[in-house]
Amino acid sequence: MRLQLHALAYNLANFLRTLALPQEVEHWSLTTLREKLVKIGARIVRHGRYVRYVVFQLAEVAVPRALFAEILRRIDHLRPRPSPIST
């Protein structure tokens, strides 16, 4: 079971690397990806007035803001969009 989980994690990381990373960082190893994108400290700030407004604050030491936003945008585009409902 443990080997299967490791294989799944490795394949998922490779899948993400090939589909969601911009050209300037697609050469990063899986270790570098884990250290720069996953193992970074962050703070989530949620405002009481705005239910859907959440701020994700992290240091720009490992990954610049524009690069991180581009990666998130590419991941978002991987998600299938719901088909329009016809009446």
N, C-alpha and C. Protein backbone atom coordinates (compact mmCIF):
# COMPACT_ATOMS: atom_id res chain seq x y z
N MET A 1 0.82 -1.19 0.00
CA MET A 1 0.00 0.00 0.00
C MET A 1 0.87 1.26 0.00
N ARG A 2 1.92 1.24 0.80
CA ARG A 2 2.80 2.41 0.89
C ARG A 2 3.48 2.70 -0.45
N LEU A 3 3.92 1.65 -1.13
CA LEU A 3 4.55 1.81 -2.42
C LEU A 3 3.57 2.40 -3.43
N GLN A 4 2.33 1.97 -3.38
CA GLN A 4 1.31 2.49 -4.29
C GLN A 4 1.06 3.97 -4.04
N LEU A 5 1.05 4.38 -2.79
CA LEU A 5 0.86 5.80 -2.46
C LEU A 5 2.03 6.64 -2.96
N HIS A 6 3.23 6.12 -2.80
CA HIS A 6 4.41 6.84 -3.29
C HIS A 6 4.38 6.95 -4.82
N ALA A 7 4.00 5.88 -5.48
CA ALA A 7 3.91 5.90 -6.94
C ALA A 7 2.83 6.89 -7.40
N LEU A 8 1.71 6.91 -6.71
CA LEU A 8 0.65 7.85 -7.05
C LEU A 8 1.11 9.29 -6.85
N ALA A 9 1.79 9.57 -5.75
CA ALA A 9 2.29 10.92 -5.50
C ALA A 9 3.32 11.33 -6.55
N TYR A 10 4.20 10.42 -6.92
CA TYR A 10 5.21 10.71 -7.94
C TYR A 10 4.55 11.01 -9.28
N ASN A 11 3.60 10.18 -9.67
CA ASN A 11 2.92 10.38 -10.95
C ASN A 11 2.10 11.65 -10.97
N LEU A 12 1.46 11.98 -9.86
CA LEU A 12 0.69 13.21 -9.77
C LEU A 12 1.61 14.43 -9.87
N ALA A 13 2.75 14.38 -9.23
CA ALA A 13 3.70 15.48 -9.30
C ALA A 13 4.24 15.65 -10.72
N ASN A 14 4.54 14.55 -11.38
CA ASN A 14 5.01 14.63 -12.77
C ASN A 14 3.93 15.17 -13.69
N PHE A 15 2.70 14.74 -13.48
CA PHE A 15 1.56 15.22 -14.25
C PHE A 15 1.41 16.73 -14.07
N LEU A 16 1.49 17.17 -12.84
CA LEU A 16 1.38 18.60 -12.55
C LEU A 16 2.54 19.37 -13.17
N ARG A 17 3.71 18.81 -13.11
CA ARG A 17 4.89 19.49 -13.67
C ARG A 17 4.78 19.67 -15.17
N THR A 18 4.28 18.66 -15.86
CA THR A 18 4.20 18.77 -17.32
C THR A 18 3.04 19.63 -17.79
N LEU A 19 1.95 19.70 -17.03
CA LEU A 19 0.78 20.44 -17.49
C LEU A 19 0.61 21.83 -16.89
N ALA A 20 1.16 22.06 -15.71
CA ALA A 20 0.83 23.31 -15.02
C ALA A 20 2.00 24.25 -14.79
N LEU A 21 3.20 23.85 -15.13
CA LEU A 21 4.32 24.74 -14.86
C LEU A 21 4.71 25.55 -16.09
N PRO A 22 4.97 26.83 -15.90
CA PRO A 22 5.46 27.64 -17.02
C PRO A 22 6.84 27.16 -17.48
N GLN A 23 7.22 27.58 -18.66
CA GLN A 23 8.47 27.11 -19.26
C GLN A 23 9.70 27.43 -18.41
N GLU A 24 9.70 28.56 -17.74
CA GLU A 24 10.90 28.95 -17.00
C GLU A 24 11.20 28.06 -15.80
N VAL A 25 10.21 27.29 -15.33
CA VAL A 25 10.46 26.42 -14.17
C VAL A 25 10.13 24.95 -14.43
N GLU A 26 9.83 24.60 -15.67
CA GLU A 26 9.47 23.20 -15.93
C GLU A 26 10.67 22.25 -15.78
N HIS A 27 11.87 22.79 -15.71
CA HIS A 27 13.06 21.95 -15.52
C HIS A 27 13.31 21.63 -14.04
N TRP A 28 12.53 22.22 -13.14
CA TRP A 28 12.72 21.95 -11.72
C TRP A 28 12.50 20.47 -11.42
N SER A 29 13.30 19.95 -10.50
CA SER A 29 13.11 18.56 -10.08
C SER A 29 11.91 18.48 -9.15
N LEU A 30 11.46 17.27 -8.88
CA LEU A 30 10.32 17.10 -7.96
C LEU A 30 10.68 17.58 -6.55
N THR A 31 11.92 17.41 -6.16
CA THR A 31 12.36 17.90 -4.85
C THR A 31 12.28 19.41 -4.79
N THR A 32 12.74 20.08 -5.82
CA THR A 32 12.68 21.54 -5.86
C THR A 32 11.23 22.02 -5.86
N LEU A 33 10.37 21.36 -6.62
CA LEU A 33 8.96 21.71 -6.61
C LEU A 33 8.36 21.61 -5.21
N ARG A 34 8.66 20.52 -4.55
CA ARG A 34 8.13 20.30 -3.20
C ARG A 34 8.64 21.38 -2.24
N GLU A 35 9.91 21.71 -2.33
CA GLU A 35 10.48 22.69 -1.41
C GLU A 35 10.02 24.11 -1.69
N LYS A 36 9.82 24.45 -2.97
CA LYS A 36 9.48 25.83 -3.31
C LYS A 36 7.99 26.09 -3.39
N LEU A 37 7.18 25.08 -3.69
CA LEU A 37 5.75 25.30 -3.84
C LEU A 37 4.91 24.71 -2.72
N VAL A 38 5.34 23.62 -2.15
CA VAL A 38 4.52 22.95 -1.15
C VAL A 38 4.98 23.27 0.26
N LYS A 39 6.26 23.28 0.51
CA LYS A 39 6.78 23.47 1.86
C LYS A 39 7.07 24.93 2.18
N ILE A 40 6.20 25.83 1.80
CA ILE A 40 6.40 27.24 2.11
C ILE A 40 5.37 27.65 3.15
N GLY A 41 5.82 28.44 4.08
CA GLY A 41 4.91 28.92 5.11
C GLY A 41 3.97 29.97 4.54
N ALA A 42 2.74 29.91 4.96
CA ALA A 42 1.75 30.86 4.46
C ALA A 42 0.73 31.15 5.55
N ARG A 43 0.01 32.20 5.33
CA ARG A 43 -1.06 32.57 6.26
C ARG A 43 -2.31 32.85 5.44
N ILE A 44 -3.41 32.29 5.87
CA ILE A 44 -4.69 32.54 5.21
C ILE A 44 -5.46 33.53 6.05
N VAL A 45 -5.84 34.64 5.42
CA VAL A 45 -6.59 35.69 6.11
C VAL A 45 -7.99 35.72 5.52
N ARG A 46 -8.98 35.56 6.35
CA ARG A 46 -10.37 35.59 5.92
C ARG A 46 -11.06 36.75 6.61
N HIS A 47 -11.73 37.57 5.83
CA HIS A 47 -12.41 38.73 6.37
C HIS A 47 -13.86 38.39 6.69
N GLY A 48 -14.35 38.88 7.81
CA GLY A 48 -15.70 38.58 8.26
C GLY A 48 -16.79 39.15 7.39
N ARG A 49 -16.57 40.31 6.82
CA ARG A 49 -17.61 40.94 5.99
C ARG A 49 -17.79 40.25 4.65
N TYR A 50 -16.70 39.77 4.11
CA TYR A 50 -16.74 39.17 2.78
C TYR A 50 -16.53 37.68 2.91
N VAL A 51 -17.60 36.94 2.72
CA VAL A 51 -17.56 35.49 2.93
C VAL A 51 -16.62 34.81 1.96
N ARG A 52 -16.63 35.24 0.71
CA ARG A 52 -15.81 34.57 -0.31
C ARG A 52 -14.43 35.19 -0.47
N TYR A 53 -14.09 36.19 0.29
CA TYR A 53 -12.82 36.90 0.14
C TYR A 53 -11.79 36.30 1.09
N VAL A 54 -10.81 35.61 0.53
CA VAL A 54 -9.75 34.99 1.31
C VAL A 54 -8.42 35.44 0.73
N VAL A 55 -7.51 35.86 1.60
CA VAL A 55 -6.18 36.29 1.17
C VAL A 55 -5.18 35.22 1.59
N PHE A 56 -4.37 34.81 0.65
CA PHE A 56 -3.34 33.80 0.88
C PHE A 56 -2.00 34.53 0.89
N GLN A 57 -1.42 34.71 2.07
CA GLN A 57 -0.19 35.49 2.19
C GLN A 57 1.00 34.55 2.36
N LEU A 58 2.01 34.72 1.50
CA LEU A 58 3.23 33.94 1.65
C LEU A 58 4.42 34.79 1.24
N ALA A 59 5.57 34.40 1.72
CA ALA A 59 6.79 35.14 1.40
C ALA A 59 7.19 34.91 -0.05
N GLU A 60 7.71 35.94 -0.70
CA GLU A 60 8.13 35.81 -2.09
C GLU A 60 9.59 35.39 -2.21
N VAL A 61 10.12 34.77 -1.19
CA VAL A 61 11.52 34.36 -1.21
C VAL A 61 11.73 33.20 -2.18
N ALA A 62 10.88 32.19 -2.12
CA ALA A 62 11.07 31.00 -2.95
C ALA A 62 10.54 31.18 -4.37
N VAL A 63 9.32 31.72 -4.48
CA VAL A 63 8.67 31.87 -5.78
C VAL A 63 8.08 33.27 -5.88
N PRO A 64 8.41 34.01 -6.92
CA PRO A 64 7.82 35.34 -7.09
C PRO A 64 6.30 35.28 -7.27
N ARG A 65 5.64 36.36 -6.91
CA ARG A 65 4.18 36.43 -6.94
C ARG A 65 3.62 36.12 -8.33
N ALA A 66 4.20 36.71 -9.35
CA ALA A 66 3.69 36.50 -10.71
C ALA A 66 3.80 35.04 -11.14
N LEU A 67 4.91 34.40 -10.79
CA LEU A 67 5.10 32.99 -11.13
C LEU A 67 4.09 32.11 -10.39
N PHE A 68 3.89 32.37 -9.11
CA PHE A 68 2.93 31.60 -8.32
C PHE A 68 1.52 31.78 -8.87
N ALA A 69 1.17 33.01 -9.24
CA ALA A 69 -0.16 33.28 -9.81
C ALA A 69 -0.34 32.55 -11.14
N GLU A 70 0.71 32.50 -11.95
CA GLU A 70 0.63 31.80 -13.23
C GLU A 70 0.44 30.31 -13.03
N ILE A 71 1.13 29.73 -12.06
CA ILE A 71 0.97 28.30 -11.76
C ILE A 71 -0.45 28.02 -11.30
N LEU A 72 -0.99 28.86 -10.42
CA LEU A 72 -2.37 28.67 -9.97
C LEU A 72 -3.36 28.82 -11.12
N ARG A 73 -3.12 29.76 -12.02
CA ARG A 73 -4.00 29.94 -13.17
C ARG A 73 -3.98 28.70 -14.06
N ARG A 74 -2.80 28.15 -14.27
CA ARG A 74 -2.68 26.95 -15.11
C ARG A 74 -3.36 25.75 -14.46
N ILE A 75 -3.24 25.62 -13.15
CA ILE A 75 -3.92 24.53 -12.45
C ILE A 75 -5.43 24.70 -12.57
N ASP A 76 -5.91 25.94 -12.46
CA ASP A 76 -7.34 26.21 -12.57
C ASP A 76 -7.86 25.83 -13.96
N HIS A 77 -7.05 26.04 -14.98
CA HIS A 77 -7.49 25.70 -16.34
C HIS A 77 -7.51 24.19 -16.58
N LEU A 78 -6.89 23.40 -15.72
CA LEU A 78 -6.94 21.94 -15.85
C LEU A 78 -8.31 21.40 -15.43
N ARG A 79 -9.01 22.13 -14.59
CA ARG A 79 -10.29 21.69 -14.07
C ARG A 79 -11.35 21.79 -15.16
N PRO A 80 -12.14 20.74 -15.36
CA PRO A 80 -13.19 20.83 -16.40
C PRO A 80 -14.28 21.81 -15.99
N ARG A 81 -14.75 22.55 -16.92
CA ARG A 81 -15.83 23.51 -16.69
C ARG A 81 -17.17 22.80 -16.82
N PRO A 82 -18.15 23.16 -16.01
CA PRO A 82 -19.47 22.55 -16.16
C PRO A 82 -20.11 22.95 -17.47
N SER A 83 -20.81 22.02 -18.06
CA SER A 83 -21.48 22.32 -19.32
C SER A 83 -22.69 23.20 -19.05
N PRO A 84 -23.01 24.09 -19.97
CA PRO A 84 -24.18 24.94 -19.76
C PRO A 84 -25.46 24.13 -19.77
N ILE A 85 -26.36 24.53 -18.90
CA ILE A 85 -27.64 23.82 -18.78
C ILE A 85 -28.60 24.41 -19.81
N SER A 86 -29.11 23.56 -20.66
CA SER A 86 -30.07 24.04 -21.66
C SER A 86 -31.49 23.79 -21.17
N THR A 87 -32.33 24.76 -21.39
CA THR A 87 -33.72 24.63 -20.93
C THR A 87 -34.67 24.42 -22.08
